[in-house]
């Protein structure tokens, strides 16, 4: 049941993407407004908008954690479906060192994008 519900929900969300995104507003980031610095969440709304419209590069440029946070659950979902079908496949790495390195890279990125405009959301 879950295996069929997720793709159907994604199809419905994809078909209604323009309506869903027109309801949401681009609220200004209060952290940015007060400090002039980009927070880790700056660009998330734009990234989601680009992602649902299939503009992967712009989604990644707006905020790289949104495509990443979509890809990881998608990897787990593919693992689940393959497990249901009787074949064990591991897509998402399980190494804590790798996840620690990914978090460290993200932390450095979110600091550096305040100093290098090329890394800031477009």
C-alpha atoms as a PDB file:
ATOM      1  CA  UNK A   1       0.000   0.000   0.000  1.00  0.00           C
ATOM      2  CA  UNK A   2       2.775   2.456   0.954  1.00  0.00           C
ATOM      3  CA  UNK A   3       4.738   1.515  -2.137  1.00  0.00           C
ATOM      4  CA  UNK A   4       1.859   2.710  -4.333  1.00  0.00           C
ATOM      5  CA  UNK A   5       0.789   5.684  -2.181  1.00  0.00           C
ATOM      6  CA  UNK A   6       4.085   7.585  -2.377  1.00  0.00           C
ATOM      7  CA  UNK A   7       4.285   7.729  -6.205  1.00  0.00           C
ATOM      8  CA  UNK A   8       0.603   8.663  -6.405  1.00  0.00           C
ATOM      9  CA  UNK A   9       1.074  11.458  -3.866  1.00  0.00           C
ATOM     10  CA  UNK A  10       4.094  12.738  -5.802  1.00  0.00           C
ATOM     11  CA  UNK A  11       2.113  12.724  -9.051  1.00  0.00           C
ATOM     12  CA  UNK A  12      -0.711  14.701  -7.430  1.00  0.00           C
ATOM     13  CA  UNK A  13       1.782  17.190  -5.962  1.00  0.00           C
ATOM     14  CA  UNK A  14       3.468  17.534  -9.336  1.00  0.00           C
ATOM     15  CA  UNK A  15       0.173  18.184 -11.122  1.00  0.00           C
ATOM     16  CA  UNK A  16      -0.860  20.775  -8.528  1.00  0.00           C
ATOM     17  CA  UNK A  17       2.591  22.390  -8.238  1.00  0.00           C
ATOM     18  CA  UNK A  18       1.588  25.758  -9.734  1.00  0.00           C
ATOM     19  CA  UNK A  19      -1.436  26.062  -7.471  1.00  0.00           C
ATOM     20  CA  UNK A  20       0.515  24.998  -4.375  1.00  0.00           C
ATOM     21  CA  UNK A  21       3.387  27.396  -5.060  1.00  0.00           C
ATOM     22  CA  UNK A  22       1.016  30.301  -5.798  1.00  0.00           C
ATOM     23  CA  UNK A  23      -0.560  29.886  -2.345  1.00  0.00           C
ATOM     24  CA  UNK A  24       2.793  30.209  -0.566  1.00  0.00           C
ATOM     25  CA  UNK A  25       4.474  33.558  -0.225  1.00  0.00           C
ATOM     26  CA  UNK A  26       8.131  34.392  -0.177  1.00  0.00           C
ATOM     27  CA  UNK A  27       8.468  35.684   3.356  1.00  0.00           C
ATOM     28  CA  UNK A  28      11.610  37.649   4.115  1.00  0.00           C
ATOM     29  CA  UNK A  29      14.132  35.973   6.365  1.00  0.00           C
ATOM     30  CA  UNK A  30      14.139  37.782   9.701  1.00  0.00           C
ATOM     31  CA  UNK A  31      17.717  36.687  10.428  1.00  0.00           C
ATOM     32  CA  UNK A  32      18.850  38.212   7.130  1.00  0.00           C
ATOM     33  CA  UNK A  33      16.772  41.324   7.735  1.00  0.00           C
ATOM     34  CA  UNK A  34      18.324  41.892  11.170  1.00  0.00           C
ATOM     35  CA  UNK A  35      21.940  40.866  10.520  1.00  0.00           C
ATOM     36  CA  UNK A  36      22.459  41.047   6.763  1.00  0.00           C
ATOM     37  CA  UNK A  37      23.786  37.472   6.858  1.00  0.00           C
ATOM     38  CA  UNK A  38      22.274  34.459   5.109  1.00  0.00           C
ATOM     39  CA  UNK A  39      20.987  31.773   7.458  1.00  0.00           C
ATOM     40  CA  UNK A  40      21.098  28.061   6.510  1.00  0.00           C
ATOM     41  CA  UNK A  41      17.417  28.267   5.535  1.00  0.00           C
ATOM     42  CA  UNK A  42      17.754  31.228   3.177  1.00  0.00           C
ATOM     43  CA  UNK A  43      16.678  30.162  -0.300  1.00  0.00           C
ATOM     44  CA  UNK A  44      14.625  27.113   0.801  1.00  0.00           C
ATOM     45  CA  UNK A  45      11.327  28.395  -0.626  1.00  0.00           C
ATOM     46  CA  UNK A  46      12.944  29.287  -3.929  1.00  0.00           C
ATOM     47  CA  UNK A  47      14.705  25.905  -3.975  1.00  0.00           C
ATOM     48  CA  UNK A  48      11.418  24.049  -3.484  1.00  0.00           C
ATOM     49  CA  UNK A  49       9.786  26.136  -6.205  1.00  0.00           C
ATOM     50  CA  UNK A  50      12.609  25.368  -8.633  1.00  0.00           C
ATOM     51  CA  UNK A  51      12.595  21.697  -7.644  1.00  0.00           C
ATOM     52  CA  UNK A  52       8.880  21.148  -8.296  1.00  0.00           C
ATOM     53  CA  UNK A  53       9.272  22.847 -11.674  1.00  0.00           C
ATOM     54  CA  UNK A  54      12.162  20.551 -12.598  1.00  0.00           C
ATOM     55  CA  UNK A  55      14.906  23.183 -12.469  1.00  0.00           C
ATOM     56  CA  UNK A  56      17.385  21.085 -10.493  1.00  0.00           C
ATOM     57  CA  UNK A  57      20.419  23.334 -10.940  1.00  0.00           C
ATOM     58  CA  UNK A  58      18.528  26.435  -9.770  1.00  0.00           C
ATOM     59  CA  UNK A  59      17.153  24.455  -6.826  1.00  0.00           C
ATOM     60  CA  UNK A  60      20.675  23.433  -5.888  1.00  0.00           C
ATOM     61  CA  UNK A  61      21.917  27.021  -6.335  1.00  0.00           C
ATOM     62  CA  UNK A  62      19.109  28.448  -4.167  1.00  0.00           C
ATOM     63  CA  UNK A  63      19.821  26.111  -1.275  1.00  0.00           C
ATOM     64  CA  UNK A  64      21.627  22.788  -1.743  1.00  0.00           C
ATOM     65  CA  UNK A  65      20.030  21.131   1.261  1.00  0.00           C
ATOM     66  CA  UNK A  66      16.567  20.967  -0.392  1.00  0.00           C
ATOM     67  CA  UNK A  67      17.600  18.668  -3.284  1.00  0.00           C
ATOM     68  CA  UNK A  68      19.736  16.692  -0.814  1.00  0.00           C
ATOM     69  CA  UNK A  69      16.784  16.310   1.580  1.00  0.00           C
ATOM     70  CA  UNK A  70      14.698  15.023  -1.326  1.00  0.00           C
ATOM     71  CA  UNK A  71      17.367  12.653  -2.654  1.00  0.00           C
ATOM     72  CA  UNK A  72      18.064  10.882   0.656  1.00  0.00           C
ATOM     73  CA  UNK A  73      14.436   9.841   1.374  1.00  0.00           C
ATOM     74  CA  UNK A  74      14.095   8.885  -2.301  1.00  0.00           C
ATOM     75  CA  UNK A  75      17.106   6.586  -1.856  1.00  0.00           C
ATOM     76  CA  UNK A  76      15.533   5.029   1.236  1.00  0.00           C
ATOM     77  CA  UNK A  77      12.250   4.595  -0.678  1.00  0.00           C
ATOM     78  CA  UNK A  78      14.044   2.810  -3.531  1.00  0.00           C
ATOM     79  CA  UNK A  79      15.749   0.572  -0.954  1.00  0.00           C
ATOM     80  CA  UNK A  80      12.334  -0.210   0.581  1.00  0.00           C
ATOM     81  CA  UNK A  81      10.771  -1.072  -2.776  1.00  0.00           C
ATOM     82  CA  UNK A  82      13.708  -3.285  -3.737  1.00  0.00           C
ATOM     83  CA  UNK A  83      13.463  -5.013  -0.340  1.00  0.00           C
ATOM     84  CA  UNK A  84       9.740  -5.616  -0.882  1.00  0.00           C
ATOM     85  CA  UNK A  85      10.567  -7.116  -4.285  1.00  0.00           C
ATOM     86  CA  UNK A  86      13.036  -9.491  -2.625  1.00  0.00           C
ATOM     87  CA  UNK A  87      16.328  -7.878  -3.600  1.00  0.00           C
ATOM     88  CA  UNK A  88      18.439  -6.039  -1.041  1.00  0.00           C
ATOM     89  CA  UNK A  89      19.940  -2.857  -2.454  1.00  0.00           C
ATOM     90  CA  UNK A  90      21.765  -0.217  -0.415  1.00  0.00           C
ATOM     91  CA  UNK A  91      21.715   3.229  -2.022  1.00  0.00           C
ATOM     92  CA  UNK A  92      22.046   5.522   0.979  1.00  0.00           C
ATOM     93  CA  UNK A  93      25.417   5.209   2.714  1.00  0.00           C
ATOM     94  CA  UNK A  94      25.344   4.133   6.360  1.00  0.00           C
ATOM     95  CA  UNK A  95      28.808   5.337   7.402  1.00  0.00           C
ATOM     96  CA  UNK A  96      28.696   7.818  10.283  1.00  0.00           C
ATOM     97  CA  UNK A  97      32.020   9.265   9.093  1.00  0.00           C
ATOM     98  CA  UNK A  98      30.510  10.078   5.707  1.00  0.00           C
ATOM     99  CA  UNK A  99      27.443  11.719   7.279  1.00  0.00           C
ATOM    100  CA  UNK A 100      29.714  13.702   9.601  1.00  0.00           C
ATOM    101  CA  UNK A 101      31.746  14.863   6.603  1.00  0.00           C
ATOM    102  CA  UNK A 102      28.580  15.870   4.731  1.00  0.00           C
ATOM    103  CA  UNK A 103      27.370  17.891   7.718  1.00  0.00           C
ATOM    104  CA  UNK A 104      30.783  19.548   8.043  1.00  0.00           C
ATOM    105  CA  UNK A 105      30.812  20.483   4.347  1.00  0.00           C
ATOM    106  CA  UNK A 106      27.317  21.961   4.672  1.00  0.00           C
ATOM    107  CA  UNK A 107      28.343  23.958   7.754  1.00  0.00           C
ATOM    108  CA  UNK A 108      31.384  25.387   5.956  1.00  0.00           C
ATOM    109  CA  UNK A 109      29.285  26.138   2.868  1.00  0.00           C
ATOM    110  CA  UNK A 110      26.642  28.020   4.846  1.00  0.00           C
ATOM    111  CA  UNK A 111      29.345  30.202   6.418  1.00  0.00           C
ATOM    112  CA  UNK A 112      31.252  30.798   3.169  1.00  0.00           C
ATOM    113  CA  UNK A 113      28.179  31.848   1.209  1.00  0.00           C
ATOM    114  CA  UNK A 114      28.016  34.963   3.366  1.00  0.00           C
ATOM    115  CA  UNK A 115      31.474  35.998   2.145  1.00  0.00           C
ATOM    116  CA  UNK A 116      31.384  34.868  -1.502  1.00  0.00           C
ATOM    117  CA  UNK A 117      28.363  36.184  -3.453  1.00  0.00           C
ATOM    118  CA  UNK A 118      28.706  33.443  -6.067  1.00  0.00           C
ATOM    119  CA  UNK A 119      27.600  30.927  -3.393  1.00  0.00           C
ATOM    120  CA  UNK A 120      24.568  32.986  -2.305  1.00  0.00           C
ATOM    121  CA  UNK A 121      21.080  32.169  -3.605  1.00  0.00           C
ATOM    122  CA  UNK A 122      20.419  33.740  -7.029  1.00  0.00           C
END
